[in-house]
């Protein structure tokens, strides 16, 4: 992909990241001289590593789009600076004794075009997400709601879904069964309202700044594709007193080296996660200089198998490829960002309690399973194998190491297919791949969020096309289990079955690594890795 700034890359190569990063330790004064006082105090400058897919909360499903949605919209609740859930558009929430009915009472709030935000907007938005024609990847997030899953699959009408605007300021939600994390769920963008009048009148409303309407701390001021995106303070936001910045300026340029060079040159105030990656070779130096910020995440980096395409129709062959990996070597020699090897699908906050469903770098068992699997399929040799990945130096380096390990341990020749982001995602969703790079950042702090991904073969994000009746039953039992301990046991059984079948290979648990100007304050990064700029400021 074409680099946006050849000069930045030339400077970086000529002077070296080491020199640039070391110089940044004393760059604050230079930055102050390089920009006006107004810019320094009121504008946060950031870089996106790629174009956001959509800023419609119903269909946004990539990291860039979901983070931007948090700035442009507001939901019933929001994760606050203390990391705890707080009421936002809802100024009161009532929960019934059986924990199945939630009643949200809305505060006075306006859309960025001046229209009032109503409970009808919420009802319309949620049913729009569930409408099969919307093709929302995150529709499953609403499945705790009565009849939501049936409506999304076309087995029930949208009118039967348990969400109803009682009046303009009262939203009533009825659940299928008690869901302990439902209130937290509603902080996720797919639960945001949309302006019913605007969306109904213009299906392309979210594609241009001139037609985009939100209700968040910021509004979309301009969007020049593949170049720049600007958000400005929303003067009509109900809590505008909390918003300290006038603008968020996002430049769009691809390449980890380039993003870090922009930071070193004082052109952006942050570089790295979650809008991109820092160059792997720079991490040790940045850490040594005390510039590196690191946060463990409830997120897993894994490779997906297309289980409908030979030879990965066979579970033993899938496990052979999984067991042959030396994850510790990948973390230590390639990533160098304090990641943890993943020997299960679900990360836990207390790493001492992290289970291990298989052994890392189990070369002997991997070879045995590969031979057994090939015999079961009647294969004398494997067909050509390819890893699909989106263009990124980090993903490319991880893939090259995995390619080397599979060749060394299994004797398998593996090709790498590096694709532009949108093409890569389309291929995964369409099943046009064998092994695909992927990752999952939790939407809420519960194992079900990882495990539910693979419940249905035709689920919005189950690119593996794997399905298992016992697995489905365990998840269904967990969903209706009121006893928290018994529920966790059922989820653990489901996770074990997932690892026995291995439609995905867990590789490592993510950390966010980034650099940030010391003058920037108040950006909230939650345990799920998302940024919220509502409370951000610059000294």
Protein backbone atom coordinates (compact mmCIF):
# COMPACT_ATOMS: atom_id res chain seq x y z
CA UNK A 1 0.00 0.00 0.00
CA UNK A 2 1.25 3.43 -0.93
CA UNK A 3 2.83 5.40 1.87
CA UNK A 4 1.24 8.77 2.57
CA UNK A 5 4.46 10.53 3.50
CA UNK A 6 7.72 9.54 1.83
CA UNK A 7 9.59 12.29 3.64
CA UNK A 8 8.70 10.95 7.09
CA UNK A 9 9.89 7.49 6.14
CA UNK A 10 13.10 8.85 4.62
CA UNK A 11 13.91 10.76 7.80
CA UNK A 12 13.17 7.69 9.89
CA UNK A 13 15.40 5.44 7.85
CA UNK A 14 18.20 7.97 7.70
CA UNK A 15 18.28 8.81 11.40
CA UNK A 16 16.97 5.58 12.83
CA UNK A 17 14.09 4.95 15.20
CA UNK A 18 16.57 4.68 18.06
CA UNK A 19 17.73 8.24 17.64
CA UNK A 20 14.23 9.56 17.04
CA UNK A 21 12.74 7.81 20.05
CA UNK A 22 15.56 8.85 22.33
CA UNK A 23 15.18 12.41 21.15
CA UNK A 24 11.51 12.40 22.00
CA UNK A 25 12.30 12.27 25.71
CA UNK A 26 13.21 15.94 25.44
CA UNK A 27 10.85 16.89 22.65
CA UNK A 28 8.10 18.57 24.68
CA UNK A 29 9.63 22.03 24.37
CA UNK A 30 10.14 21.63 20.63
CA UNK A 31 6.52 20.56 20.21
CA UNK A 32 5.30 23.61 22.08
CA UNK A 33 7.23 25.85 19.69
CA UNK A 34 5.99 23.95 16.64
CA UNK A 35 2.26 24.54 17.21
CA UNK A 36 0.14 27.47 18.33
CA UNK A 37 -0.99 27.68 21.97
CA UNK A 38 -4.60 27.21 20.85
CA UNK A 39 -3.73 23.99 19.00
CA UNK A 40 -1.70 22.76 21.94
CA UNK A 41 -4.54 23.24 24.39
CA UNK A 42 -7.66 22.43 22.40
CA UNK A 43 -6.78 20.02 19.56
CA UNK A 44 -5.77 16.40 19.98
CA UNK A 45 -3.88 15.09 16.95
CA UNK A 46 -3.95 11.39 16.22
CA UNK A 47 -3.20 8.97 13.41
CA UNK A 48 -5.35 6.18 12.01
CA UNK A 49 -3.54 3.25 10.43
CA UNK A 50 -6.47 2.67 8.08
CA UNK A 51 -9.76 4.08 6.91
CA UNK A 52 -12.67 3.38 9.31
CA UNK A 53 -15.09 0.90 7.76
CA UNK A 54 -18.21 2.77 8.91
CA UNK A 55 -19.29 5.29 11.53
CA UNK A 56 -22.77 3.83 11.72
CA UNK A 57 -22.89 2.09 15.14
CA UNK A 58 -25.15 -0.64 13.76
CA UNK A 59 -22.51 -1.95 11.35
CA UNK A 60 -19.19 -0.67 12.75
CA UNK A 61 -17.05 -3.73 13.51
CA UNK A 62 -13.40 -2.67 13.36
CA UNK A 63 -11.29 -1.02 16.07
CA UNK A 64 -11.14 2.36 14.33
CA UNK A 65 -14.86 2.60 13.67
CA UNK A 66 -15.86 1.42 17.15
CA UNK A 67 -13.59 3.93 18.89
CA UNK A 68 -14.80 6.77 16.67
CA UNK A 69 -18.39 5.74 17.42
CA UNK A 70 -17.68 6.24 21.13
CA UNK A 71 -16.75 9.85 20.43
CA UNK A 72 -19.66 10.54 18.09
CA UNK A 73 -22.44 8.80 20.03
CA UNK A 74 -23.62 8.31 23.57
CA UNK A 75 -25.53 5.37 25.01
CA UNK A 76 -27.60 4.64 28.07
CA UNK A 77 -24.44 4.06 30.08
CA UNK A 78 -20.72 4.77 29.65
CA UNK A 79 -17.49 3.47 31.18
CA UNK A 80 -16.17 6.31 33.32
CA UNK A 81 -12.62 7.51 34.05
CA UNK A 82 -12.53 5.19 37.08
CA UNK A 83 -13.22 2.17 34.85
CA UNK A 84 -16.68 1.70 36.35
CA UNK A 85 -20.05 1.79 34.65
CA UNK A 86 -21.92 5.07 34.99
CA UNK A 87 -25.28 6.30 33.74
CA UNK A 88 -25.07 8.52 30.68
CA UNK A 89 -28.18 9.21 28.54
CA UNK A 90 -30.12 7.29 31.15
CA UNK A 91 -30.36 9.26 34.38
CA UNK A 92 -32.13 6.36 36.11
CA UNK A 93 -32.29 2.60 35.62
CA UNK A 94 -34.83 0.29 37.28
CA UNK A 95 -34.40 -3.50 37.34
CA UNK A 96 -37.23 -5.88 38.20
CA UNK A 97 -37.01 -8.40 41.04
CA UNK A 98 -36.61 -11.30 38.57
CA UNK A 99 -33.74 -9.39 36.86
CA UNK A 100 -35.44 -9.72 33.46
CA UNK A 101 -36.96 -6.27 32.95
CA UNK A 102 -34.88 -3.09 32.69
CA UNK A 103 -36.52 0.32 32.56
CA UNK A 104 -34.32 3.22 31.48
CA UNK A 105 -35.42 6.79 32.12
CA UNK A 106 -33.73 9.20 29.70
CA UNK A 107 -32.37 12.65 30.49
CA UNK A 108 -32.91 15.62 28.18
CA UNK A 109 -30.45 15.32 25.28
CA UNK A 110 -30.17 16.40 21.65
CA UNK A 111 -28.82 15.09 18.40
CA UNK A 112 -26.11 17.11 16.67
CA UNK A 113 -28.78 18.50 14.29
CA UNK A 114 -30.84 19.78 17.23
CA UNK A 115 -33.49 17.04 17.33
CA UNK A 116 -34.34 15.63 20.77
CA UNK A 117 -32.97 12.15 21.59
CA UNK A 118 -35.93 9.91 22.47
CA UNK A 119 -36.59 6.38 23.61
CA UNK A 120 -38.12 5.81 20.17
CA UNK A 121 -34.65 6.37 18.68
CA UNK A 122 -33.30 3.59 20.89
CA UNK A 123 -36.10 1.19 20.00
CA UNK A 124 -35.66 1.93 16.30
CA UNK A 125 -31.86 1.56 16.50
CA UNK A 126 -31.89 -1.77 18.32
CA UNK A 127 -34.50 -3.28 16.02
CA UNK A 128 -32.54 -1.97 13.04
CA UNK A 129 -29.47 -3.84 14.30
CA UNK A 130 -31.53 -7.02 14.61
CA UNK A 131 -33.08 -6.65 11.16
CA UNK A 132 -31.39 -9.37 9.04
CA UNK A 133 -31.18 -6.89 6.15
CA UNK A 134 -28.83 -4.67 8.18
CA UNK A 135 -26.27 -7.50 8.37
CA UNK A 136 -24.85 -6.24 11.65
CA UNK A 137 -21.85 -8.28 12.79
CA UNK A 138 -22.64 -7.42 16.39
CA UNK A 139 -26.37 -8.22 16.31
CA UNK A 140 -25.70 -11.15 18.65
CA UNK A 141 -24.91 -8.64 21.42
CA UNK A 142 -28.64 -7.96 21.63
CA UNK A 143 -29.61 -11.64 21.88
CA UNK A 144 -30.21 -11.50 25.66
CA UNK A 145 -33.30 -9.45 24.78
CA UNK A 146 -36.58 -11.34 24.42
CA UNK A 147 -37.04 -12.70 20.85
CA UNK A 148 -33.98 -10.80 19.59
CA UNK A 149 -32.17 -13.87 18.26
CA UNK A 150 -35.33 -15.19 16.62
CA UNK A 151 -35.96 -11.85 14.93
CA UNK A 152 -32.38 -11.68 13.67
CA UNK A 153 -32.73 -15.13 12.10
CA UNK A 154 -36.10 -14.27 10.52
CA UNK A 155 -38.06 -16.64 12.79
CA UNK A 156 -39.89 -13.82 14.56
CA UNK A 157 -41.06 -10.34 13.64
CA UNK A 158 -39.13 -7.32 14.89
CA UNK A 159 -42.24 -6.10 16.68
CA UNK A 160 -41.94 -9.14 18.98
CA UNK A 161 -38.51 -8.06 20.26
CA UNK A 162 -38.55 -7.11 23.95
CA UNK A 163 -37.61 -3.45 23.59
CA UNK A 164 -40.28 -0.77 23.70
CA UNK A 165 -40.42 3.00 24.01
CA UNK A 166 -43.12 3.46 26.66
CA UNK A 167 -42.97 7.19 25.94
CA UNK A 168 -40.39 9.65 24.63
CA UNK A 169 -38.27 9.38 27.78
CA UNK A 170 -38.86 5.78 28.94
CA UNK A 171 -37.33 2.65 27.39
CA UNK A 172 -38.42 -0.77 28.64
CA UNK A 173 -36.33 -3.86 27.88
CA UNK A 174 -37.42 -7.45 28.61
CA UNK A 175 -34.75 -10.17 28.60
CA UNK A 176 -34.97 -13.87 27.78
CA UNK A 177 -33.39 -14.70 31.13
CA UNK A 178 -31.36 -12.89 33.79
CA UNK A 179 -28.16 -11.55 32.21
CA UNK A 180 -25.70 -10.27 34.83
CA UNK A 181 -23.75 -8.16 32.37
CA UNK A 182 -26.66 -6.62 30.43
CA UNK A 183 -26.23 -3.07 31.74
CA UNK A 184 -22.54 -3.19 30.80
CA UNK A 185 -23.49 -4.51 27.37
CA UNK A 186 -25.45 -1.35 26.61
CA UNK A 187 -22.22 0.68 26.73
CA UNK A 188 -21.14 -1.02 23.49
CA UNK A 189 -21.72 0.99 20.26
CA UNK A 190 -24.21 -1.48 18.76
CA UNK A 191 -26.60 -0.36 21.54
CA UNK A 192 -26.27 3.33 20.67
CA UNK A 193 -29.35 5.13 19.38
CA UNK A 194 -29.55 6.58 15.89
CA UNK A 195 -31.74 9.45 14.74
CA UNK A 196 -34.73 7.62 13.30
CA UNK A 197 -35.81 10.50 11.05
CA UNK A 198 -32.32 10.96 9.58
CA UNK A 199 -31.60 7.27 9.00
CA UNK A 200 -34.99 6.52 7.47
CA UNK A 201 -34.64 9.45 5.05
CA UNK A 202 -31.08 8.70 3.89
CA UNK A 203 -29.56 5.18 3.95
CA UNK A 204 -26.11 6.73 3.29
CA UNK A 205 -26.39 9.16 6.21
CA UNK A 206 -23.20 7.87 7.92
CA UNK A 207 -20.96 8.15 4.86
CA UNK A 208 -20.37 11.91 4.79
CA UNK A 209 -19.72 14.58 7.40
CA UNK A 210 -22.47 16.76 5.95
CA UNK A 211 -25.13 14.12 6.63
CA UNK A 212 -23.76 12.36 9.72
CA UNK A 213 -25.81 12.94 12.88
CA UNK A 214 -24.67 11.77 16.31
CA UNK A 215 -25.41 12.52 19.94
CA UNK A 216 -21.97 12.18 21.53
CA UNK A 217 -19.29 14.50 22.94
CA UNK A 218 -18.07 15.24 19.40
CA UNK A 219 -19.58 15.50 15.95
CA UNK A 220 -18.14 14.63 12.54
CA UNK A 221 -16.81 17.88 11.06
CA UNK A 222 -15.01 16.57 7.97
CA UNK A 223 -14.02 13.28 6.36
CA UNK A 224 -11.61 13.21 3.44
CA UNK A 225 -11.20 9.58 2.49
CA UNK A 226 -7.68 8.15 2.91
CA UNK A 227 -6.40 11.48 4.18
CA UNK A 228 -7.98 13.12 7.21
CA UNK A 229 -10.96 12.93 9.54
CA UNK A 230 -11.89 15.67 12.01
CA UNK A 231 -14.27 15.63 14.95
CA UNK A 232 -15.32 18.86 16.63
CA UNK A 233 -16.89 19.46 20.03
CA UNK A 234 -20.65 18.93 19.98
CA UNK A 235 -22.07 22.09 21.54
CA UNK A 236 -25.44 20.40 21.99
CA UNK A 237 -24.09 17.44 23.98
CA UNK A 238 -25.91 17.05 27.29
CA UNK A 239 -22.64 16.88 29.27
CA UNK A 240 -20.62 19.35 27.22
CA UNK A 241 -19.04 20.84 30.35
CA UNK A 242 -17.00 17.63 30.69
CA UNK A 243 -15.59 17.97 27.16
CA UNK A 244 -12.35 19.98 27.27
CA UNK A 245 -11.12 19.67 23.66
CA UNK A 246 -12.38 21.58 20.63
CA UNK A 247 -11.25 19.07 18.03
CA UNK A 248 -9.90 15.60 17.40
CA UNK A 249 -7.79 15.62 14.24
CA UNK A 250 -7.14 12.18 12.71
CA UNK A 251 -4.68 11.84 9.88
CA UNK A 252 -4.84 8.58 7.96
CA UNK A 253 -1.48 7.04 7.12
CA UNK A 254 -0.42 3.42 7.06
CA UNK A 255 2.73 1.99 8.53
CA UNK A 256 4.01 1.65 12.08
CA UNK A 257 7.32 3.36 11.35
CA UNK A 258 5.55 6.29 9.80
CA UNK A 259 3.18 6.74 12.76
CA UNK A 260 6.07 6.76 15.22
CA UNK A 261 7.99 9.19 13.01
CA UNK A 262 5.01 11.56 13.10
CA UNK A 263 4.98 11.35 16.88
CA UNK A 264 8.70 12.04 17.11
CA UNK A 265 8.30 15.02 14.79
CA UNK A 266 5.53 16.45 16.99
CA UNK A 267 2.87 16.01 14.30
CA UNK A 268 0.64 13.76 16.43
CA UNK A 269 0.11 13.47 20.18
CA UNK A 270 -0.13 9.68 20.33
CA UNK A 271 1.12 6.72 18.32
CA UNK A 272 0.46 3.02 18.64
CA UNK A 273 -2.57 1.18 20.00
CA UNK A 274 -5.45 1.16 19.52
CA UNK A 275 -5.29 3.00 16.19
CA UNK A 276 -2.21 1.16 14.98
CA UNK A 277 0.91 -0.62 16.12
CA UNK A 278 4.35 0.57 17.15
CA UNK A 279 7.30 -0.88 15.21
CA UNK A 280 8.41 -4.07 16.91
CA UNK A 281 12.06 -3.09 16.71
CA UNK A 282 11.34 0.16 18.57
CA UNK A 283 9.60 -1.37 21.60
CA UNK A 284 12.73 -2.26 23.63
CA UNK A 285 14.20 1.20 23.09
CA UNK A 286 10.96 2.99 23.93
CA UNK A 287 10.64 0.91 27.09
CA UNK A 288 14.23 1.60 28.09
CA UNK A 289 13.65 5.35 27.67
CA UNK A 290 10.50 5.21 29.79
CA UNK A 291 8.29 6.29 26.89
CA UNK A 292 6.32 3.09 26.40
CA UNK A 293 2.82 2.76 27.86
CA UNK A 294 1.57 -0.84 28.17
CA UNK A 295 -1.83 -2.17 29.23
CA UNK A 296 -2.88 -5.87 29.31
CA UNK A 297 -6.18 -6.41 27.53
CA UNK A 298 -9.09 -8.81 27.57
CA UNK A 299 -8.16 -9.73 24.03
CA UNK A 300 -6.71 -12.70 22.16
CA UNK A 301 -4.72 -12.94 18.93
CA UNK A 302 -5.62 -16.13 17.09
CA UNK A 303 -5.62 -17.81 13.72
CA UNK A 304 -8.94 -19.07 12.36
CA UNK A 305 -9.30 -22.27 10.36
CA UNK A 306 -11.79 -22.60 7.54
CA UNK A 307 -13.19 -25.90 8.80
CA UNK A 308 -15.13 -26.45 5.57
CA UNK A 309 -11.96 -26.56 3.49
CA UNK A 310 -9.59 -29.55 3.49
CA UNK A 311 -7.37 -30.42 5.24
CA UNK A 312 -8.78 -28.35 8.12
CA UNK A 313 -12.04 -30.28 8.10
CA UNK A 314 -10.08 -32.65 10.38
CA UNK A 315 -9.74 -31.70 14.07
CA UNK A 316 -6.50 -33.64 14.53
CA UNK A 317 -4.83 -31.69 11.74
CA UNK A 318 -6.09 -28.43 13.22
CA UNK A 319 -4.66 -29.39 16.61
CA UNK A 320 -1.37 -30.46 15.02
CA UNK A 321 -0.91 -26.97 13.61
CA UNK A 322 -1.87 -25.45 16.98
CA UNK A 323 0.40 -27.64 19.11
CA UNK A 324 3.39 -27.13 16.80
CA UNK A 325 3.58 -23.42 17.65
CA UNK A 326 6.15 -22.05 20.07
CA UNK A 327 4.17 -19.11 21.42
CA UNK A 328 6.77 -18.10 23.97
CA UNK A 329 9.29 -17.62 21.18
CA UNK A 330 6.79 -15.50 19.23
CA UNK A 331 6.18 -13.29 22.26
CA UNK A 332 9.84 -13.01 23.27
CA UNK A 333 11.60 -12.69 19.93
CA UNK A 334 9.02 -11.17 17.60
CA UNK A 335 6.53 -9.09 19.59
CA UNK A 336 8.52 -7.88 22.62
CA UNK A 337 5.48 -6.05 23.99
CA UNK A 338 4.90 -7.94 27.27
CA UNK A 339 2.24 -10.21 25.72
CA UNK A 340 1.27 -13.55 27.30
CA UNK A 341 1.26 -16.86 25.34
CA UNK A 342 -2.33 -18.04 24.91
CA UNK A 343 -3.01 -21.68 25.77
CA UNK A 344 -6.75 -21.20 25.91
CA UNK A 345 -9.34 -19.04 24.20
CA UNK A 346 -10.40 -16.77 27.07
CA UNK A 347 -7.98 -14.41 28.82
CA UNK A 348 -8.34 -13.82 32.54
CA UNK A 349 -7.22 -10.78 34.52
CA UNK A 350 -5.36 -12.92 37.06
CA UNK A 351 -2.71 -14.68 34.98
CA UNK A 352 -1.90 -17.06 37.85
CA UNK A 353 -5.38 -18.53 37.35
CA UNK A 354 -5.08 -18.79 33.57
CA UNK A 355 -5.90 -22.39 32.56
CA UNK A 356 -3.91 -24.27 29.93
CA UNK A 357 -5.86 -26.66 27.75
CA UNK A 358 -2.78 -27.77 25.85
CA UNK A 359 1.00 -27.54 26.01
CA UNK A 360 2.96 -24.86 24.22
CA UNK A 361 5.42 -26.09 21.58
CA UNK A 362 4.33 -29.75 21.86
CA UNK A 363 6.19 -30.85 18.76
CA UNK A 364 5.97 -34.59 19.38
CA UNK A 365 2.21 -34.65 19.78
CA UNK A 366 1.81 -32.26 16.86
CA UNK A 367 3.63 -34.65 14.51
CA UNK A 368 1.59 -37.61 15.76
CA UNK A 369 -1.73 -35.81 15.28
CA UNK A 370 -0.78 -34.61 11.81
CA UNK A 371 0.02 -38.16 10.70
CA UNK A 372 -3.22 -39.50 12.20
CA UNK A 373 -5.31 -36.75 10.66
CA UNK A 374 -3.80 -37.22 7.20
CA UNK A 375 -4.47 -40.97 7.42
CA UNK A 376 -8.11 -40.30 8.35
CA UNK A 377 -8.49 -38.06 5.29
CA UNK A 378 -6.58 -40.48 3.03
CA UNK A 379 -3.91 -37.90 2.27
CA UNK A 380 -0.38 -38.87 1.29
CA UNK A 381 0.62 -35.19 1.50
CA UNK A 382 -1.05 -31.95 2.43
CA UNK A 383 -2.48 -29.63 -0.23
CA UNK A 384 -0.97 -26.13 -0.52
CA UNK A 385 -1.49 -24.19 2.73
CA UNK A 386 -1.85 -20.42 2.97
CA UNK A 387 -2.21 -17.88 5.78
CA UNK A 388 -4.38 -14.86 4.92
CA UNK A 389 -3.51 -11.64 6.73
CA UNK A 390 -4.08 -7.93 6.34
CA UNK A 391 -1.12 -5.75 5.44
CA UNK A 392 0.81 -4.87 8.59
CA UNK A 393 4.47 -5.30 9.58
CA UNK A 394 3.43 -6.84 12.92
CA UNK A 395 1.10 -9.41 11.37
CA UNK A 396 3.64 -10.13 8.67
CA UNK A 397 6.45 -10.79 11.14
CA UNK A 398 4.27 -13.04 13.29
CA UNK A 399 3.18 -14.94 10.19
CA UNK A 400 6.75 -15.36 8.98
CA UNK A 401 7.74 -16.85 12.35
CA UNK A 402 4.74 -19.18 12.32
CA UNK A 403 5.54 -20.14 8.75
CA UNK A 404 9.09 -21.01 9.86
CA UNK A 405 7.90 -23.02 12.87
CA UNK A 406 5.41 -25.08 10.85
CA UNK A 407 8.07 -25.82 8.27
CA UNK A 408 10.57 -26.85 10.95
CA UNK A 409 8.22 -28.97 13.07
CA UNK A 410 5.68 -30.33 10.58
CA UNK A 411 7.60 -30.05 7.32
CA UNK A 412 4.73 -28.01 5.88
CA UNK A 413 5.25 -25.36 3.20
CA UNK A 414 3.01 -22.37 3.98
CA UNK A 415 2.39 -19.37 1.76
CA UNK A 416 1.48 -15.89 3.06
CA UNK A 417 -1.33 -13.92 1.42
CA UNK A 418 -1.15 -10.27 2.45
CA UNK A 419 -4.30 -8.36 1.51
CA UNK A 420 -5.71 -4.87 1.81
CA UNK A 421 -7.88 -4.58 4.92
CA UNK A 422 -11.32 -4.52 3.31
CA UNK A 423 -10.49 -7.35 0.90
CA UNK A 424 -9.04 -9.38 3.76
CA UNK A 425 -12.21 -9.00 5.86
CA UNK A 426 -14.47 -9.83 2.92
CA UNK A 427 -12.48 -12.99 2.18
CA UNK A 428 -12.75 -14.16 5.78
CA UNK A 429 -16.48 -13.46 5.94
CA UNK A 430 -17.02 -15.21 2.59
CA UNK A 431 -14.97 -18.28 3.53
CA UNK A 432 -12.37 -17.55 0.87
CA UNK A 433 -9.37 -18.57 2.98
CA UNK A 434 -7.68 -21.56 4.68
CA UNK A 435 -6.04 -20.01 7.76
CA UNK A 436 -6.85 -16.41 8.62
CA UNK A 437 -5.27 -13.99 11.05
CA UNK A 438 -7.73 -12.57 13.51
CA UNK A 439 -8.10 -11.17 16.99
CA UNK A 440 -10.88 -10.60 19.44
CA UNK A 441 -11.18 -7.74 21.89
CA UNK A 442 -13.86 -8.44 24.48
CA UNK A 443 -17.00 -6.32 24.32
CA UNK A 444 -17.81 -7.06 27.95
CA UNK A 445 -15.90 -8.75 30.76
CA UNK A 446 -17.29 -12.28 30.57
CA UNK A 447 -16.06 -15.57 29.01
CA UNK A 448 -19.31 -15.85 27.06
CA UNK A 449 -18.18 -12.96 24.88
CA UNK A 450 -15.36 -15.10 23.47
CA UNK A 451 -17.20 -18.41 23.42
CA UNK A 452 -20.46 -17.20 21.86
CA UNK A 453 -18.53 -16.25 18.72
CA UNK A 454 -18.47 -19.91 17.68
CA UNK A 455 -21.93 -20.94 18.80
CA UNK A 456 -23.61 -20.78 15.39
CA UNK A 457 -22.09 -21.80 12.09
CA UNK A 458 -23.68 -18.84 10.39
CA UNK A 459 -22.97 -16.39 13.20
CA UNK A 460 -21.91 -12.94 12.05
CA UNK A 461 -18.27 -13.35 13.13
CA UNK A 462 -17.83 -17.15 12.98
CA UNK A 463 -15.66 -17.26 9.88
CA UNK A 464 -14.54 -20.80 10.81
CA UNK A 465 -17.98 -22.27 9.93
CA UNK A 466 -17.46 -24.71 12.85
CA UNK A 467 -20.53 -25.77 14.78
CA UNK A 468 -21.04 -28.31 17.57
CA UNK A 469 -24.34 -29.31 19.19
CA UNK A 470 -22.79 -30.12 22.58
CA UNK A 471 -21.01 -26.76 22.57
CA UNK A 472 -24.29 -25.01 21.78
CA UNK A 473 -26.05 -26.86 24.59
CA UNK A 474 -23.39 -25.87 27.14
CA UNK A 475 -23.66 -22.20 26.17
CA UNK A 476 -27.45 -22.35 26.30
CA UNK A 477 -27.34 -23.92 29.76
CA UNK A 478 -24.88 -21.25 30.92
CA UNK A 479 -27.15 -18.50 29.58
CA UNK A 480 -30.07 -19.69 31.70
CA UNK A 481 -28.05 -20.60 34.82
CA UNK A 482 -28.72 -18.22 37.71
CA UNK A 483 -25.97 -19.63 39.96
CA UNK A 484 -22.73 -17.76 39.02
CA UNK A 485 -20.43 -20.66 40.03
CA UNK A 486 -22.40 -23.24 38.03
CA UNK A 487 -22.54 -20.85 35.10
CA UNK A 488 -18.74 -20.50 35.11
CA UNK A 489 -18.38 -24.30 35.21
CA UNK A 490 -20.56 -24.66 32.12
CA UNK A 491 -18.57 -21.98 30.30
CA UNK A 492 -15.30 -23.74 31.24
CA UNK A 493 -16.66 -27.00 29.78
CA UNK A 494 -17.56 -25.18 26.57
CA UNK A 495 -14.10 -23.64 26.38
CA UNK A 496 -12.49 -27.06 26.81
CA UNK A 497 -14.59 -28.44 23.97
CA UNK A 498 -13.62 -25.51 21.76
CA UNK A 499 -9.96 -26.24 22.43
CA UNK A 500 -10.50 -29.98 21.81
CA UNK A 501 -11.98 -29.18 18.40
CA UNK A 502 -9.61 -26.24 17.73
CA UNK A 503 -11.43 -24.24 15.03
CA UNK A 504 -9.15 -21.39 16.14
CA UNK A 505 -5.53 -21.37 17.33
CA UNK A 506 -4.98 -19.05 20.31
CA UNK A 507 -1.52 -17.51 19.95
CA UNK A 508 -1.14 -14.71 22.51
CA UNK A 509 -3.11 -12.32 24.69
CA UNK A 510 -2.85 -8.74 23.60
CA UNK A 511 -1.37 -5.77 25.30
CA UNK A 512 -1.86 -2.23 24.10
CA UNK A 513 1.47 -0.48 23.57
CA UNK A 514 1.61 3.20 22.74
CA UNK A 515 3.49 6.46 23.23
CA UNK A 516 1.77 9.64 24.34
CA UNK A 517 2.71 13.26 24.80
CA UNK A 518 2.98 14.08 28.50
CA UNK A 519 0.66 17.04 28.05
CA UNK A 520 -2.26 14.78 27.10
CA UNK A 521 -4.49 13.90 30.04
CA UNK A 522 -7.82 12.25 30.70
CA UNK A 523 -8.04 9.74 27.86
CA UNK A 524 -9.81 6.68 29.20
CA UNK A 525 -8.56 3.28 28.00
CA UNK A 526 -10.74 0.52 29.38
CA UNK A 527 -9.79 -3.12 29.94
CA UNK A 528 -11.22 -3.93 26.53
CA UNK A 529 -8.73 -1.63 24.81
CA UNK A 530 -11.07 1.11 23.64
CA UNK A 531 -10.38 4.81 24.01
CA UNK A 532 -12.88 7.38 25.18
CA UNK A 533 -11.99 11.02 24.47
CA UNK A 534 -14.93 12.53 26.36
CA UNK A 535 -12.73 13.63 29.30
CA UNK A 536 -9.49 14.19 27.33
CA UNK A 537 -7.50 17.42 27.64
CA UNK A 538 -4.09 18.92 26.86
CA UNK A 539 -2.16 21.03 29.30
